[in-house]
């Protein structure tokens, strides 16, 4: 992103509007995934189940659906509300890749890409068909994604990406500056690659709501507002003990399950092994008030698609169904000790920075109102792709660590976790990304030092187009970082 110059006078009103912006995801504002009377708020009275899923985001919902399809009695338990974490706070980009993008998968597992592509393509088409069966095809728009170069050295990166996508059977259109600006007109663009296959946009809360409907039709039970504090191994079963906090009172309860899945995203896992593999990183997002027809004409957003830029520190942005622009990314933040705290969910300085970048990208939007500004943690691993594993004699499995691209790949992760619980070999479990774990993050205070050093190195690469010694060292050990 070019350096921000002197802001035009009307930008001041836009920045001022951040103070009154709603500190909640535009998707979750005034919406719930499920009606309160359709869920339990206590573990009391729940009979033993075959599968207990901890976490009610996309991974947990898919695990419930796939488990119930196999005839299991399933309960999903969320500490807050279903899909109120990363699933309901994301940008609503959906991608078929299970490896954080085709280029990333090709870089890490070139010998397995044929199998990876087969798995992810089959799952992508099946997911679209499943949503269509519910007459909700509008929830996923297969509109492609535009990745733009905002610096000259990004063009080489995009050319390489196009070659890789072609190699594995995906269309990729390299666009020059003028053709890019015919898609979306920004003075910052120098070129782009358009990826029409396996990329789209969704309403994530609407999509989660449909998954809940499917799960409920299969007999899945849902519990909200119960924090699971402990999972104990009890011979043939596991016991999940939880706490309900309501109106200043606390109550405890437990449920027995033959097996359990941890789908807790960035939130503290109940097993130390996945905790070592992920770090919570806070992402920041803003959304404008609905734009007028004239404003859309002024910015020249002629082709509906999601957009990202090609830097290490990148932005992602998209139109929403009600005519807003959602704009996020750039300044992801790690807090010492991997802390997750509601206090971190207000970040006016970063939201102001995003607003300035929005107006840098679309100068005609100087003066637009920012209606929503929110923050939420995502779960990152040292290689961007999820971590899988089991414990308690194979009765507890986990699938965490999507690094911001979990909307599409969460179904793969959920099915893989179920495979691991069943102890079966499938086209998923034979993949190296499942069989081998990401390199664990070091303990504090070394962890914070490593994260900060890596972030500085990535910024330098963006500025100089040179991959420094620190990043080359991480590459050698198979560690990949992105802010």
Protein backbone atom coordinates (compact mmCIF):
# COMPACT_ATOMS: atom_id res chain seq x y z
CA UNK A 1 0.00 0.00 0.00
CA UNK A 2 1.49 3.38 -0.96
CA UNK A 3 2.22 5.73 1.90
CA UNK A 4 -0.76 7.80 2.94
CA UNK A 5 -0.43 11.42 1.85
CA UNK A 6 -2.20 14.47 3.18
CA UNK A 7 -5.79 13.42 3.77
CA UNK A 8 -8.46 15.40 1.95
CA UNK A 9 -10.71 17.40 4.21
CA UNK A 10 -13.69 15.09 3.78
CA UNK A 11 -11.64 12.16 5.11
CA UNK A 12 -11.86 13.69 8.58
CA UNK A 13 -15.59 12.95 8.68
CA UNK A 14 -14.96 9.33 7.73
CA UNK A 15 -12.37 8.91 10.46
CA UNK A 16 -14.68 10.60 12.97
CA UNK A 17 -17.42 8.11 12.06
CA UNK A 18 -15.26 5.28 13.45
CA UNK A 19 -16.07 6.52 16.97
CA UNK A 20 -19.75 5.72 16.38
CA UNK A 21 -19.21 2.57 14.34
CA UNK A 22 -20.80 -0.56 15.76
CA UNK A 23 -18.07 -2.78 17.28
CA UNK A 24 -19.54 -5.95 15.86
CA UNK A 25 -19.26 -7.87 12.64
CA UNK A 26 -21.63 -6.60 9.97
CA UNK A 27 -22.74 -10.22 9.54
CA UNK A 28 -23.59 -10.71 13.19
CA UNK A 29 -25.19 -7.31 13.77
CA UNK A 30 -28.81 -7.90 14.78
CA UNK A 31 -28.61 -11.50 13.55
CA UNK A 32 -28.20 -14.85 15.23
CA UNK A 33 -27.34 -18.15 13.62
CA UNK A 34 -30.09 -19.91 15.54
CA UNK A 35 -33.07 -18.79 17.62
CA UNK A 36 -32.40 -18.88 21.41
CA UNK A 37 -35.28 -21.29 21.98
CA UNK A 38 -33.71 -23.79 19.55
CA UNK A 39 -30.64 -24.38 21.74
CA UNK A 40 -29.89 -25.47 25.28
CA UNK A 41 -27.99 -23.29 27.72
CA UNK A 42 -26.86 -26.00 30.09
CA UNK A 43 -25.42 -29.50 29.95
CA UNK A 44 -28.05 -30.69 32.42
CA UNK A 45 -30.29 -33.39 31.07
CA UNK A 46 -28.23 -34.28 28.01
CA UNK A 47 -28.01 -38.03 27.62
CA UNK A 48 -24.71 -39.67 26.69
CA UNK A 49 -23.85 -39.07 23.04
CA UNK A 50 -21.61 -40.65 20.45
CA UNK A 51 -19.86 -37.40 19.56
CA UNK A 52 -19.40 -34.15 21.44
CA UNK A 53 -18.07 -31.20 19.44
CA UNK A 54 -16.50 -28.29 21.31
CA UNK A 55 -16.87 -25.15 19.21
CA UNK A 56 -19.84 -24.02 17.14
CA UNK A 57 -18.09 -22.40 14.17
CA UNK A 58 -17.76 -23.84 10.69
CA UNK A 59 -15.51 -26.73 11.71
CA UNK A 60 -17.81 -27.75 14.54
CA UNK A 61 -20.95 -27.44 12.41
CA UNK A 62 -19.50 -29.55 9.62
CA UNK A 63 -18.30 -32.15 12.12
CA UNK A 64 -21.83 -32.34 13.54
CA UNK A 65 -23.38 -32.74 10.10
CA UNK A 66 -20.96 -35.39 8.89
CA UNK A 67 -21.11 -37.26 12.18
CA UNK A 68 -24.90 -37.25 12.24
CA UNK A 69 -24.98 -38.41 8.61
CA UNK A 70 -23.03 -41.45 9.80
CA UNK A 71 -25.70 -42.20 12.37
CA UNK A 72 -24.01 -40.66 15.43
CA UNK A 73 -25.83 -38.90 18.25
CA UNK A 74 -24.12 -35.50 18.32
CA UNK A 75 -24.04 -32.47 20.58
CA UNK A 76 -22.27 -29.19 19.72
CA UNK A 77 -21.19 -27.02 22.67
CA UNK A 78 -20.14 -23.39 22.26
CA UNK A 79 -18.91 -21.06 24.99
CA UNK A 80 -20.76 -18.10 23.49
CA UNK A 81 -23.15 -18.20 20.50
CA UNK A 82 -22.88 -20.40 17.45
CA UNK A 83 -20.60 -18.89 14.77
CA UNK A 84 -19.94 -15.79 16.90
CA UNK A 85 -16.17 -16.30 16.72
CA UNK A 86 -14.03 -16.25 13.58
CA UNK A 87 -16.80 -17.82 11.49
CA UNK A 88 -19.10 -14.84 12.00
CA UNK A 89 -16.41 -12.15 11.96
CA UNK A 90 -14.58 -13.08 8.76
CA UNK A 91 -14.67 -11.30 5.43
CA UNK A 92 -16.89 -13.91 3.82
CA UNK A 93 -14.32 -15.06 1.26
CA UNK A 94 -14.69 -18.75 0.44
CA UNK A 95 -12.02 -20.80 -1.26
CA UNK A 96 -11.90 -24.45 -2.29
CA UNK A 97 -8.27 -24.88 -1.27
CA UNK A 98 -7.41 -27.03 1.74
CA UNK A 99 -3.77 -25.84 1.70
CA UNK A 100 -4.16 -22.06 2.16
CA UNK A 101 -4.18 -21.59 -1.59
CA UNK A 102 -3.00 -23.57 -4.61
CA UNK A 103 0.40 -21.85 -4.72
CA UNK A 104 1.05 -22.54 -1.05
CA UNK A 105 0.06 -26.18 -1.42
CA UNK A 106 2.28 -26.59 -4.47
CA UNK A 107 5.20 -25.05 -2.58
CA UNK A 108 4.84 -27.34 0.43
CA UNK A 109 3.58 -30.61 -1.04
CA UNK A 110 4.28 -30.66 -4.80
CA UNK A 111 4.35 -34.47 -4.95
CA UNK A 112 0.86 -34.69 -3.43
CA UNK A 113 -0.85 -31.89 -5.31
CA UNK A 114 -2.72 -34.24 -7.65
CA UNK A 115 -4.35 -35.93 -4.65
CA UNK A 116 -4.91 -32.60 -2.88
CA UNK A 117 -6.59 -31.07 -5.94
CA UNK A 118 -8.84 -34.12 -6.33
CA UNK A 119 -9.94 -33.94 -2.69
CA UNK A 120 -10.58 -30.21 -2.63
CA UNK A 121 -12.40 -30.09 -5.97
CA UNK A 122 -14.75 -32.92 -5.01
CA UNK A 123 -15.52 -31.27 -1.67
CA UNK A 124 -16.06 -27.83 -3.25
CA UNK A 125 -18.62 -29.11 -5.76
CA UNK A 126 -20.36 -31.24 -3.14
CA UNK A 127 -20.63 -28.27 -0.77
CA UNK A 128 -22.16 -26.07 -3.49
CA UNK A 129 -24.62 -28.84 -4.32
CA UNK A 130 -25.56 -29.30 -0.66
CA UNK A 131 -26.35 -25.60 -0.25
CA UNK A 132 -28.30 -25.60 -3.53
CA UNK A 133 -30.42 -28.48 -2.24
CA UNK A 134 -31.58 -26.16 0.55
CA UNK A 135 -32.61 -23.55 -2.07
CA UNK A 136 -29.99 -21.16 -0.64
CA UNK A 137 -27.57 -20.98 -3.56
CA UNK A 138 -27.39 -17.20 -3.13
CA UNK A 139 -25.38 -17.68 0.06
CA UNK A 140 -22.29 -18.65 -1.96
CA UNK A 141 -21.38 -16.62 -5.04
CA UNK A 142 -18.82 -18.44 -7.21
CA UNK A 143 -17.57 -15.11 -8.55
CA UNK A 144 -13.81 -15.64 -8.42
CA UNK A 145 -11.14 -13.55 -6.73
CA UNK A 146 -8.97 -10.69 -7.97
CA UNK A 147 -5.46 -10.45 -6.51
CA UNK A 148 -3.95 -7.08 -7.34
CA UNK A 149 -0.39 -5.80 -7.55
CA UNK A 150 0.09 -2.52 -5.74
CA UNK A 151 3.87 -2.56 -6.18
CA UNK A 152 5.87 -3.47 -9.26
CA UNK A 153 7.55 -6.50 -7.66
CA UNK A 154 4.12 -8.01 -6.97
CA UNK A 155 3.71 -8.64 -10.70
CA UNK A 156 6.30 -11.43 -10.70
CA UNK A 157 4.54 -13.06 -7.74
CA UNK A 158 1.21 -12.97 -9.59
CA UNK A 159 2.74 -14.39 -12.78
CA UNK A 160 4.12 -17.30 -10.78
CA UNK A 161 0.71 -17.84 -9.20
CA UNK A 162 -0.96 -17.96 -12.60
CA UNK A 163 1.53 -20.57 -13.85
CA UNK A 164 0.94 -22.73 -10.78
CA UNK A 165 -2.85 -22.52 -11.09
CA UNK A 166 -2.69 -23.50 -14.75
CA UNK A 167 -0.45 -26.43 -13.88
CA UNK A 168 -3.11 -27.91 -11.64
CA UNK A 169 -6.07 -27.30 -13.92
CA UNK A 170 -7.34 -23.98 -12.60
CA UNK A 171 -8.00 -20.98 -14.78
CA UNK A 172 -5.96 -17.86 -14.06
CA UNK A 173 -6.13 -14.64 -16.05
CA UNK A 174 -3.19 -12.26 -15.88
CA UNK A 175 -4.43 -8.68 -16.28
CA UNK A 176 -2.48 -5.57 -17.14
CA UNK A 177 -3.08 -2.28 -15.35
CA UNK A 178 -5.87 -1.06 -17.62
CA UNK A 179 -7.72 -4.38 -17.69
CA UNK A 180 -7.46 -4.61 -13.90
CA UNK A 181 -8.97 -1.16 -13.54
CA UNK A 182 -11.82 -2.24 -15.82
CA UNK A 183 -12.68 -4.80 -13.10
CA UNK A 184 -12.25 -2.45 -10.16
CA UNK A 185 -10.87 1.04 -10.71
CA UNK A 186 -8.19 2.04 -8.22
CA UNK A 187 -5.19 4.29 -8.91
CA UNK A 188 -3.09 1.95 -6.75
CA UNK A 189 -3.37 -1.04 -9.12
CA UNK A 190 -0.49 -2.06 -11.43
CA UNK A 191 -1.93 -5.36 -12.63
CA UNK A 192 -3.65 -8.44 -11.25
CA UNK A 193 -4.44 -12.11 -11.59
CA UNK A 194 -8.09 -13.16 -11.68
CA UNK A 195 -8.83 -16.62 -10.28
CA UNK A 196 -12.34 -17.67 -11.33
CA UNK A 197 -12.23 -21.29 -10.15
CA UNK A 198 -12.86 -22.34 -6.57
CA UNK A 199 -13.15 -18.80 -5.26
CA UNK A 200 -16.17 -16.81 -4.21
CA UNK A 201 -17.98 -14.80 -1.61
CA UNK A 202 -20.51 -15.80 1.00
CA UNK A 203 -22.65 -14.47 3.79
CA UNK A 204 -20.88 -16.44 6.55
CA UNK A 205 -23.61 -16.08 9.16
CA UNK A 206 -26.27 -17.03 6.63
CA UNK A 207 -24.17 -20.03 5.60
CA UNK A 208 -23.67 -21.07 9.23
CA UNK A 209 -27.42 -20.80 9.75
CA UNK A 210 -28.07 -23.23 6.92
CA UNK A 211 -25.54 -25.66 8.38
CA UNK A 212 -27.35 -25.46 11.72
CA UNK A 213 -30.66 -26.20 9.96
CA UNK A 214 -29.14 -29.25 8.25
CA UNK A 215 -27.63 -30.47 11.52
CA UNK A 216 -30.89 -30.01 13.42
CA UNK A 217 -32.76 -31.97 10.76
CA UNK A 218 -30.32 -34.81 11.48
CA UNK A 219 -31.01 -34.68 15.23
CA UNK A 220 -27.95 -32.73 16.38
CA UNK A 221 -28.33 -30.92 19.73
CA UNK A 222 -26.81 -27.47 20.31
CA UNK A 223 -25.66 -25.87 23.56
CA UNK A 224 -24.69 -22.20 23.80
CA UNK A 225 -23.10 -20.24 26.62
CA UNK A 226 -21.33 -23.20 28.23
CA UNK A 227 -17.55 -23.13 28.56
CA UNK A 228 -15.96 -26.57 28.60
CA UNK A 229 -13.34 -26.47 31.34
CA UNK A 230 -12.11 -30.04 31.33
CA UNK A 231 -12.25 -33.26 29.34
CA UNK A 232 -11.57 -36.42 31.33
CA UNK A 233 -10.78 -39.87 29.98
CA UNK A 234 -13.20 -42.37 31.47
CA UNK A 235 -12.34 -45.72 29.93
CA UNK A 236 -14.72 -46.16 26.98
CA UNK A 237 -15.91 -42.56 27.07
CA UNK A 238 -14.82 -39.01 27.75
CA UNK A 239 -16.54 -36.65 30.15
CA UNK A 240 -16.82 -33.01 29.22
CA UNK A 241 -17.31 -30.74 32.23
CA UNK A 242 -18.50 -27.21 31.65
CA UNK A 243 -19.60 -23.99 33.31
CA UNK A 244 -22.60 -21.84 32.49
CA UNK A 245 -22.48 -18.19 33.51
CA UNK A 246 -25.74 -16.26 33.40
CA UNK A 247 -27.04 -13.14 35.18
CA UNK A 248 -24.20 -13.21 37.67
CA UNK A 249 -24.66 -16.87 38.60
CA UNK A 250 -22.58 -19.89 37.67
CA UNK A 251 -23.57 -23.51 37.34
CA UNK A 252 -21.65 -26.60 36.34
CA UNK A 253 -22.55 -29.74 34.47
CA UNK A 254 -21.11 -32.50 32.32
CA UNK A 255 -21.92 -34.79 29.44
CA UNK A 256 -20.55 -38.20 28.50
CA UNK A 257 -19.45 -38.93 24.93
CA UNK A 258 -17.82 -41.87 23.22
CA UNK A 259 -15.65 -39.42 21.30
CA UNK A 260 -15.05 -35.68 21.11
CA UNK A 261 -13.66 -33.12 18.67
CA UNK A 262 -11.99 -29.84 19.57
CA UNK A 263 -12.99 -27.19 17.02
CA UNK A 264 -12.07 -24.18 19.13
CA UNK A 265 -10.21 -22.11 16.54
CA UNK A 266 -7.94 -19.55 18.23
CA UNK A 267 -9.48 -20.07 21.66
CA UNK A 268 -7.57 -22.05 24.22
CA UNK A 269 -7.68 -25.75 23.40
CA UNK A 270 -8.23 -28.24 26.20
CA UNK A 271 -5.21 -30.31 25.16
CA UNK A 272 -1.64 -29.04 25.34
CA UNK A 273 -0.65 -30.56 21.98
CA UNK A 274 -2.80 -28.36 19.74
CA UNK A 275 -2.02 -25.39 22.01
CA UNK A 276 1.64 -25.63 21.02
CA UNK A 277 0.77 -25.62 17.31
CA UNK A 278 -1.32 -22.45 17.05
CA UNK A 279 -1.14 -18.81 17.98
CA UNK A 280 -4.14 -16.46 18.13
CA UNK A 281 -3.70 -13.42 15.89
CA UNK A 282 -6.18 -10.56 15.95
CA UNK A 283 -7.54 -9.40 12.60
CA UNK A 284 -9.19 -6.00 12.06
CA UNK A 285 -12.09 -5.14 9.75
CA UNK A 286 -14.24 -2.15 8.84
CA UNK A 287 -17.41 -1.87 6.79
CA UNK A 288 -18.88 1.21 5.18
CA UNK A 289 -22.48 2.26 5.25
CA UNK A 290 -24.32 1.10 2.10
CA UNK A 291 -22.97 3.01 -0.89
CA UNK A 292 -25.18 4.93 -3.26
CA UNK A 293 -25.36 4.03 -6.94
CA UNK A 294 -23.29 7.12 -7.68
CA UNK A 295 -20.58 6.04 -5.23
CA UNK A 296 -20.37 2.61 -6.84
CA UNK A 297 -20.06 4.30 -10.24
CA UNK A 298 -17.40 6.67 -8.91
CA UNK A 299 -15.12 3.86 -7.73
CA UNK A 300 -15.71 1.79 -10.87
CA UNK A 301 -16.31 -1.54 -9.16
CA UNK A 302 -17.82 -3.06 -12.30
CA UNK A 303 -17.34 -6.79 -11.71
CA UNK A 304 -18.56 -8.35 -8.50
CA UNK A 305 -15.76 -10.29 -6.86
CA UNK A 306 -13.55 -10.27 -3.81
CA UNK A 307 -10.20 -8.48 -3.95
CA UNK A 308 -6.92 -8.98 -2.12
CA UNK A 309 -3.58 -7.32 -2.71
CA UNK A 310 -0.40 -9.27 -3.15
CA UNK A 311 1.83 -8.02 -0.33
CA UNK A 312 2.84 -9.88 2.81
CA UNK A 313 0.79 -7.31 4.71
CA UNK A 314 -2.30 -7.38 2.58
CA UNK A 315 -5.83 -6.07 2.49
CA UNK A 316 -8.93 -8.03 1.56
CA UNK A 317 -12.13 -6.31 0.52
CA UNK A 318 -15.47 -7.08 -1.05
CA UNK A 319 -18.97 -5.81 -1.68
CA UNK A 320 -21.65 -7.08 0.69
CA UNK A 321 -25.17 -8.07 -0.38
CA UNK A 322 -26.60 -4.86 1.11
CA UNK A 323 -24.21 -2.61 -0.80
CA UNK A 324 -21.37 -1.95 1.66
CA UNK A 325 -17.64 -2.41 1.22
CA UNK A 326 -16.04 -4.67 3.80
CA UNK A 327 -12.32 -3.86 4.14
CA UNK A 328 -9.91 -5.74 6.40
CA UNK A 329 -6.44 -7.08 7.01
CA UNK A 330 -3.02 -5.35 7.05
CA UNK A 331 -2.18 -5.01 10.75
CA UNK A 332 -2.72 -8.39 12.39
CA UNK A 333 -1.75 -8.36 16.06
CA UNK A 334 -0.35 -10.98 18.43
CA UNK A 335 -0.63 -10.37 22.19
CA UNK A 336 1.93 -11.71 24.64
CA UNK A 337 1.11 -15.18 25.87
CA UNK A 338 -1.46 -15.70 23.14
CA UNK A 339 -4.03 -13.87 25.25
CA UNK A 340 -7.58 -13.54 24.03
CA UNK A 341 -9.46 -10.76 25.77
CA UNK A 342 -12.52 -8.65 24.99
CA UNK A 343 -10.36 -5.57 25.62
CA UNK A 344 -8.46 -6.35 22.41
CA UNK A 345 -11.64 -6.11 20.35
CA UNK A 346 -11.54 -2.33 20.19
CA UNK A 347 -8.69 -0.89 18.17
CA UNK A 348 -9.48 2.63 16.94
CA UNK A 349 -5.91 3.29 15.77
CA UNK A 350 -5.88 0.28 13.47
CA UNK A 351 -9.40 0.95 12.27
CA UNK A 352 -8.37 4.51 11.43
CA UNK A 353 -5.39 3.14 9.51
CA UNK A 354 -7.66 0.80 7.56
CA UNK A 355 -9.96 3.72 6.78
CA UNK A 356 -7.07 5.75 5.40
CA UNK A 357 -6.03 2.77 3.27
CA UNK A 358 -9.60 2.37 2.02
CA UNK A 359 -9.59 5.98 0.83
CA UNK A 360 -6.10 5.58 -0.65
CA UNK A 361 -7.53 2.68 -2.66
CA UNK A 362 -10.73 4.52 -3.61
CA UNK A 363 -10.22 8.30 -3.29
CA UNK A 364 -13.86 8.91 -4.25
CA UNK A 365 -14.87 7.39 -0.90
CA UNK A 366 -13.32 10.18 1.16
CA UNK A 367 -16.20 11.17 3.42
CA UNK A 368 -17.96 7.79 3.39
CA UNK A 369 -19.39 6.66 6.75
CA UNK A 370 -17.80 3.69 8.53
CA UNK A 371 -20.74 1.86 10.07
CA UNK A 372 -18.97 -1.17 11.60
CA UNK A 373 -15.46 -1.71 12.96
CA UNK A 374 -14.57 -5.00 14.61
CA UNK A 375 -11.71 -7.23 15.67
CA UNK A 376 -11.45 -10.97 16.17
CA UNK A 377 -8.80 -13.66 16.67
CA UNK A 378 -7.87 -16.17 14.01
CA UNK A 379 -5.82 -19.31 14.61
CA UNK A 380 -2.50 -19.51 12.80
CA UNK A 381 0.01 -22.34 12.51
CA UNK A 382 3.63 -22.10 11.46
CA UNK A 383 2.74 -23.38 7.98
CA UNK A 384 -0.73 -21.74 7.56
CA UNK A 385 -2.56 -25.08 7.25
CA UNK A 386 -4.50 -26.80 10.06
CA UNK A 387 -3.04 -29.05 12.71
CA UNK A 388 -4.67 -32.43 13.31
CA UNK A 389 -4.21 -35.03 15.99
CA UNK A 390 -5.74 -37.31 18.60
CA UNK A 391 -5.27 -38.13 22.27
CA UNK A 392 -6.99 -40.12 25.02
CA UNK A 393 -6.47 -43.34 23.14
CA UNK A 394 -8.01 -41.95 19.96
CA UNK A 395 -11.21 -40.72 21.65
CA UNK A 396 -10.35 -36.99 21.34
CA UNK A 397 -9.42 -35.33 18.03
CA UNK A 398 -8.72 -31.75 17.03
CA UNK A 399 -8.63 -29.68 13.86
CA UNK A 400 -7.40 -26.11 14.39
CA UNK A 401 -5.19 -23.54 12.69
CA UNK A 402 -6.82 -22.24 9.49
CA UNK A 403 -4.96 -18.90 9.41
CA UNK A 404 -7.97 -17.04 8.07
CA UNK A 405 -8.99 -19.41 5.26
CA UNK A 406 -11.29 -21.77 7.11
CA UNK A 407 -14.67 -21.05 5.51
CA UNK A 408 -14.05 -23.50 2.68
CA UNK A 409 -11.47 -25.86 4.20
CA UNK A 410 -13.32 -26.37 7.51
CA UNK A 411 -15.41 -29.17 6.01
CA UNK A 412 -12.26 -31.04 5.00
CA UNK A 413 -10.88 -30.51 8.50
CA UNK A 414 -14.05 -31.77 10.17
CA UNK A 415 -14.19 -34.90 8.04
CA UNK A 416 -10.50 -35.54 8.68
CA UNK A 417 -11.03 -35.28 12.45
CA UNK A 418 -13.87 -37.82 12.17
CA UNK A 419 -11.60 -40.14 10.14
CA UNK A 420 -8.97 -39.91 12.87
CA UNK A 421 -11.52 -40.77 15.56
CA UNK A 422 -12.62 -43.78 13.51
CA UNK A 423 -9.00 -44.84 13.02
CA UNK A 424 -9.47 -45.32 9.28
CA UNK A 425 -7.25 -44.51 6.33
CA UNK A 426 -8.91 -42.23 3.80
CA UNK A 427 -7.92 -39.95 0.93
CA UNK A 428 -7.66 -37.26 3.60
CA UNK A 429 -5.65 -38.97 6.33
CA UNK A 430 -2.93 -40.18 3.94
CA UNK A 431 -1.97 -36.59 3.09
CA UNK A 432 1.25 -35.26 4.60
CA UNK A 433 -0.55 -32.16 5.87
CA UNK A 434 -2.58 -34.49 8.11
CA UNK A 435 0.13 -37.02 8.98
CA UNK A 436 2.73 -34.41 9.96
CA UNK A 437 2.18 -31.58 12.40
CA UNK A 438 3.26 -27.97 11.89
CA UNK A 439 6.43 -26.96 13.72
CA UNK A 440 5.34 -25.83 17.20
CA UNK A 441 5.75 -22.26 18.32
CA UNK A 442 8.34 -21.69 21.06
CA UNK A 443 7.24 -20.77 24.57
CA UNK A 444 7.13 -17.20 25.80
CA UNK A 445 8.97 -14.89 25.87
CA UNK A 446 10.77 -16.35 22.83
CA UNK A 447 7.48 -16.66 20.96
CA UNK A 448 6.76 -12.93 21.05
CA UNK A 449 10.32 -12.14 19.97
CA UNK A 450 10.05 -14.53 17.00
CA UNK A 451 6.67 -13.18 15.93
CA UNK A 452 7.86 -9.57 16.14
CA UNK A 453 11.09 -10.31 14.24
CA UNK A 454 9.19 -12.12 11.51
CA UNK A 455 6.67 -9.32 11.16
CA UNK A 456 9.49 -6.79 10.75
CA UNK A 457 11.16 -9.02 8.14
CA UNK A 458 7.95 -9.32 6.15
CA UNK A 459 7.49 -5.56 6.18
CA UNK A 460 11.06 -5.13 4.91
CA UNK A 461 10.39 -7.59 2.11
CA UNK A 462 7.29 -5.60 1.11
CA UNK A 463 9.40 -2.43 1.03
CA UNK A 464 12.52 -3.78 -0.65
CA UNK A 465 11.32 -6.81 -2.68
CA UNK A 466 14.16 -8.79 -1.06
CA UNK A 467 13.67 -11.81 1.17
CA UNK A 468 16.03 -11.23 4.06
CA UNK A 469 18.20 -13.65 6.00
CA UNK A 470 15.59 -14.29 8.71
CA UNK A 471 12.85 -15.24 6.24
CA UNK A 472 15.24 -17.42 4.24
CA UNK A 473 16.18 -19.22 7.46
CA UNK A 474 12.51 -19.85 8.25
CA UNK A 475 11.96 -21.09 4.70
CA UNK A 476 14.78 -23.58 5.15
CA UNK A 477 13.11 -25.10 8.18
CA UNK A 478 9.68 -25.25 6.54
CA UNK A 479 8.19 -22.42 8.56
CA UNK A 480 5.95 -19.93 6.82
CA UNK A 481 4.62 -16.76 8.39
CA UNK A 482 2.17 -14.18 7.18
CA UNK A 483 0.95 -11.18 9.13
